[in-house]
Protein backbone atom coordinates (compact mmCIF):
# COMPACT_ATOMS: atom_id res chain seq x y z
CA MET A 1 -13.20 14.31 22.62
CA PRO A 2 -13.29 12.05 19.48
CA CYS A 3 -16.45 9.95 19.29
CA VAL A 4 -15.93 6.40 19.78
CA THR A 5 -17.90 5.32 16.69
CA GLU A 6 -15.81 7.52 14.47
CA TYR A 7 -12.64 5.47 15.70
CA ALA A 8 -14.48 2.15 15.19
CA ARG A 9 -12.95 1.56 11.49
CA GLY A 10 -9.52 1.53 13.29
CA ARG A 11 -10.49 -1.89 15.01
CA GLU A 12 -10.09 -3.94 11.83
CA VAL A 13 -6.50 -5.44 11.37
CA PRO A 14 -5.10 -3.02 8.70
CA VAL A 15 -2.83 -5.64 6.93
CA ALA A 16 -3.92 -8.34 4.27
CA PRO A 17 -5.49 -11.72 5.88
CA GLY A 18 -2.57 -13.78 4.65
CA ALA A 19 -0.20 -11.25 6.37
CA ALA A 20 -2.21 -11.09 9.61
CA LEU A 21 -1.84 -14.94 10.01
CA LEU A 22 2.01 -14.18 10.72
CA LEU A 23 0.81 -12.69 14.11
CA PRO A 24 -2.59 -13.98 14.82
CA GLY A 25 -2.45 -13.79 18.78
CA ALA A 26 -0.88 -10.29 18.89
CA TRP A 27 -3.35 -8.90 16.40
CA ARG A 28 -6.38 -10.53 18.27
CA ARG A 29 -5.22 -8.72 21.57
CA TRP A 30 -4.75 -5.60 19.70
CA GLN A 31 -8.34 -5.65 18.85
CA GLN A 32 -9.34 -6.67 22.30
CA ALA A 33 -7.68 -3.38 23.57
CA PHE A 34 -10.67 -1.61 21.90
CA GLN A 35 -12.96 -3.33 24.71
CA ALA A 36 -10.96 -1.35 27.22
CA TYR A 37 -11.03 1.55 24.84
CA ASP A 38 -14.91 1.65 24.93
CA SER A 39 -15.26 0.81 28.86
CA GLY A 40 -15.40 4.32 30.10
CA ASP A 41 -13.99 7.83 30.15
CA GLU A 42 -11.99 7.79 33.14
CA ALA A 43 -8.11 7.50 33.36
CA GLU A 44 -8.42 3.78 34.75
CA ALA A 45 -10.19 2.79 31.23
CA PHE A 46 -7.33 4.34 29.30
CA GLN A 47 -4.56 2.58 31.60
CA SER A 48 -6.44 -0.56 30.83
CA VAL A 49 -5.89 -0.16 27.19
CA GLY A 50 -2.24 0.20 28.03
CA VAL A 51 -2.16 -2.94 29.97
CA ARG A 52 -4.29 -4.88 27.05
CA LEU A 53 -1.54 -3.27 24.74
CA ARG A 54 1.39 -4.54 26.91
CA GLU A 55 -0.06 -7.98 26.51
CA CYS A 56 -0.47 -7.54 22.91
CA LEU A 57 3.48 -7.05 22.61
CA VAL A 58 4.29 -9.65 24.95
CA SER A 59 2.18 -12.00 22.51
CA PHE A 60 3.99 -10.45 19.61
CA VAL A 61 7.30 -11.70 21.17
CA GLY A 62 5.83 -15.33 21.92
CA GLU A 63 5.11 -15.62 17.99
CA THR A 64 8.48 -14.29 16.84
CA ARG A 65 11.17 -15.26 19.34
CA ASP A 66 13.52 -18.39 18.21
CA ASP A 67 16.57 -19.25 19.65
CA HIS A 68 18.12 -19.46 16.07
CA LEU A 69 17.98 -15.48 16.19
CA VAL A 70 20.72 -15.52 19.26
CA PRO A 71 24.31 -15.46 17.86
CA ASP A 72 26.31 -18.50 19.34
CA GLY A 73 27.64 -17.44 22.79
CA GLN A 74 25.05 -15.30 23.81
CA THR A 75 22.23 -15.83 26.24
CA PRO A 76 18.80 -16.04 24.96
CA PRO A 77 16.38 -13.17 26.58
CA LYS A 78 13.96 -14.13 29.02
CA ALA A 79 10.44 -15.22 27.28
CA ALA A 80 8.65 -12.13 27.83
CA ASP A 81 11.66 -9.68 27.36
CA PHE A 82 10.18 -7.59 24.64
CA LYS A 83 13.14 -5.35 24.19
CA GLY A 84 15.81 -8.08 24.12
CA TRP A 85 14.02 -10.22 21.53
CA THR A 86 13.04 -7.42 19.45
CA GLU A 87 16.70 -6.45 19.16
CA PHE A 88 17.62 -10.02 18.04
CA LEU A 89 14.65 -10.21 15.37
CA ALA A 90 15.63 -6.89 14.02
CA ASN A 91 18.90 -8.12 13.17
CA GLY A 92 17.37 -11.30 11.75
CA LEU A 93 14.93 -9.41 9.59
CA ALA A 94 17.13 -6.68 8.51
CA GLY A 95 20.68 -7.84 8.37
CA GLY A 96 23.87 -6.60 6.51
CA ASP A 97 24.57 -3.14 5.33
CA SER A 98 22.04 -2.46 2.87
CA ALA A 99 19.26 -3.09 5.53
CA ALA A 100 21.12 -1.04 8.33
CA ARG A 101 18.70 1.69 8.44
CA LEU A 102 15.86 -0.36 8.36
CA ARG A 103 17.42 -2.58 11.39
CA SER A 104 18.16 0.67 13.20
CA TYR A 105 14.45 1.77 12.72
CA LEU A 106 12.81 -1.42 13.93
CA LYS A 107 14.92 -1.20 16.98
CA LYS A 108 14.11 2.19 17.88
CA LEU A 109 10.43 1.68 17.09
CA ALA A 110 10.10 -1.26 19.43
CA VAL A 111 11.88 0.49 22.13
CA GLU A 112 9.91 3.52 21.88
CA THR A 113 6.48 1.83 21.52
CA TRP A 114 7.22 -0.32 24.72
CA ASP A 115 7.96 2.67 26.62
CA TYR A 116 5.15 4.49 25.83
CA ILE A 117 2.85 1.42 26.36
CA ASN A 118 4.39 1.20 29.98
CA TRP A 119 3.74 4.61 30.63
CA LEU A 120 0.01 4.60 29.48
CA THR A 121 -0.45 1.44 31.75
CA HIS A 122 0.83 3.53 34.88
CA ALA A 123 -0.64 7.08 33.78
CA LYS A 124 -3.10 8.09 36.21
CA ASN A 125 -3.79 11.18 34.40
CA ALA A 126 -4.44 9.45 31.03
CA MET A 127 -6.69 10.81 28.48
CA ARG A 128 -8.76 8.97 25.71
CA MET A 129 -6.36 10.59 23.06
CA ASP A 130 -3.65 8.93 24.96
CA ALA A 131 -4.97 5.73 24.66
CA GLU A 132 -5.71 6.13 21.00
CA ILE A 133 -2.07 7.14 20.39
CA GLY A 134 -1.13 3.65 22.06
CA LEU A 135 -3.58 1.85 19.66
CA LYS A 136 -1.96 3.42 16.66
CA GLN A 137 1.59 2.94 17.79
CA VAL A 138 1.21 -1.05 18.50
CA GLU A 139 -0.85 -1.26 15.11
CA PHE A 140 2.25 0.38 13.51
CA LEU A 141 4.83 -1.97 14.98
CA LEU A 142 2.82 -5.07 14.25
CA GLY A 143 2.69 -3.93 10.59
CA MET A 144 6.17 -2.77 10.44
CA PHE A 145 7.73 -5.95 11.64
CA THR A 146 5.32 -7.86 9.62
CA ALA A 147 6.32 -5.89 6.30
CA ALA A 148 9.79 -6.55 7.45
CA THR A 149 9.01 -10.41 7.49
CA LEU A 150 7.27 -10.20 4.06
CA ARG A 151 10.21 -8.18 2.67
CA LEU A 152 12.84 -10.86 4.06
CA ALA A 153 10.80 -13.78 2.24
CA GLN A 154 10.61 -11.96 -1.11
CA SER A 155 14.06 -10.72 -1.25
CA PRO A 156 15.37 -11.69 -4.80
CA THR A 157 18.68 -13.47 -5.68
CA ARG A 158 21.10 -10.97 -7.23
CA CYS A 159 23.67 -11.94 -9.76
CA ASN A 160 27.24 -11.91 -8.28
CA ALA A 161 28.70 -10.86 -11.47
CA CYS A 162 26.45 -7.93 -12.73
CA GLU A 163 24.03 -7.58 -9.78
CA SER A 164 21.05 -8.22 -12.07
CA TYR A 165 17.75 -9.54 -10.31
CA GLU A 166 16.94 -11.50 -13.04
CA VAL A 167 18.20 -14.78 -11.72
CA VAL A 168 16.33 -17.68 -12.51
CA VAL A 169 16.69 -21.37 -11.42
CA GLY A 170 20.17 -20.17 -10.70
CA VAL A 171 21.24 -18.57 -13.84
CA CYS A 172 21.35 -14.95 -14.66
CA ARG A 173 19.13 -14.22 -17.86
CA HIS A 174 21.08 -10.83 -18.17
CA CYS A 175 24.91 -11.90 -18.46
CA GLY A 176 24.62 -15.92 -18.05
CA TRP A 177 26.27 -16.07 -14.54
CA GLU A 178 25.70 -19.34 -12.91
CA ASP A 179 25.14 -19.99 -9.32
CA LEU A 180 26.90 -23.18 -8.89
CA THR A 181 25.39 -23.48 -5.03
CA TYR A 182 21.64 -23.40 -6.50
CA GLU A 183 19.70 -26.68 -5.80
CA PRO A 184 16.11 -26.94 -7.40
CA PRO A 185 13.33 -27.48 -4.95
CA GLU A 186 12.43 -30.97 -4.26
CA ILE A 187 9.08 -31.68 -6.01
CA GLN A 188 7.07 -34.04 -3.92
CA GLY A 189 4.86 -36.49 -6.21
CA TRP A 190 2.10 -38.72 -5.38
CA SER A 191 2.76 -42.18 -4.15
CA GLU A 192 2.07 -45.39 -6.17
CA LYS A 193 -1.13 -45.96 -3.94
CA GLU A 194 -2.17 -42.27 -4.30
CA ARG A 195 -1.91 -42.45 -7.81
CA THR A 196 -3.75 -45.70 -8.40
CA ARG A 197 -6.47 -44.21 -6.12
CA ARG A 198 -6.95 -40.99 -8.18
CA LEU A 199 -7.03 -42.69 -11.53
CA ALA A 200 -9.77 -45.30 -10.11
CA GLU A 201 -12.01 -42.36 -9.42
CA PRO A 202 -14.33 -41.62 -12.12
CA CYS A 203 -14.09 -37.93 -13.80
CA THR A 204 -16.89 -36.02 -12.17
CA PRO A 205 -17.28 -32.31 -14.41
CA SER A 206 -17.40 -29.16 -12.35
CA SER A 207 -20.17 -26.99 -12.73
CA ASP A 208 -17.96 -24.79 -15.05
CA ILE A 209 -17.52 -27.72 -17.44
CA SER A 210 -20.19 -29.44 -18.87
CA THR A 211 -18.15 -31.47 -21.55
CA PHE A 212 -14.99 -33.51 -20.60
CA ILE A 213 -12.78 -33.57 -23.98
CA THR A 214 -9.86 -36.27 -24.07
CA PRO A 215 -6.47 -34.75 -25.27
CA ASP A 216 -6.87 -37.17 -28.51
CA ALA A 217 -10.42 -35.40 -29.19
CA LEU A 218 -8.96 -32.10 -28.83
CA MET A 219 -6.29 -32.77 -31.26
CA GLN A 220 -8.70 -34.16 -33.58
CA THR A 221 -10.75 -31.06 -33.47
CA GLU A 222 -7.73 -28.86 -33.91
CA THR A 223 -6.84 -30.90 -37.26
CA ASP A 224 -10.22 -30.46 -38.80
């Protein structure tokens, strides 16, 4: 039987803090499942790990489900329908022919993970290793869907003419193709009231800057 303390390092959320914020409730419940893991060496304790992990997966659905994922004319799944929502979520995160393999993998991963965790919840002969496998399965699922979310957010625009990724502000640097649908992001400036307030405040140097140099003084220094 593996030592509990040797497995303790697995209790830390295995993704960057910024990425973990995408699923705060799910990761918190995943960590809480270790409390059940530590609660004893009988099958009931390991079944409790399954219960906690199932709560984790339901929390995952609660944090990711969105009616916009459901195509027009189709009925949204029930709130706690893990398989139903992950089906739509995989379609939304990995749409199109180029992401067909990823989309299929996410769906299969969700189904297999849910089925295993449900088995663990009711397994009267569950062993500690069964609970460890469940913890790792759910960890991997949360990590994969997080990665798919980040992939979608970071997908670069490709040139319609040469398929280059070097499209900047709607213009391809490689061949000069221009995206006529490109709209520059709206820049929110300060209101007149906020501008006046900021200009009225005295300049307070930080601990890293001991001398404030005006632009005019800087130009004079460069010409000397």
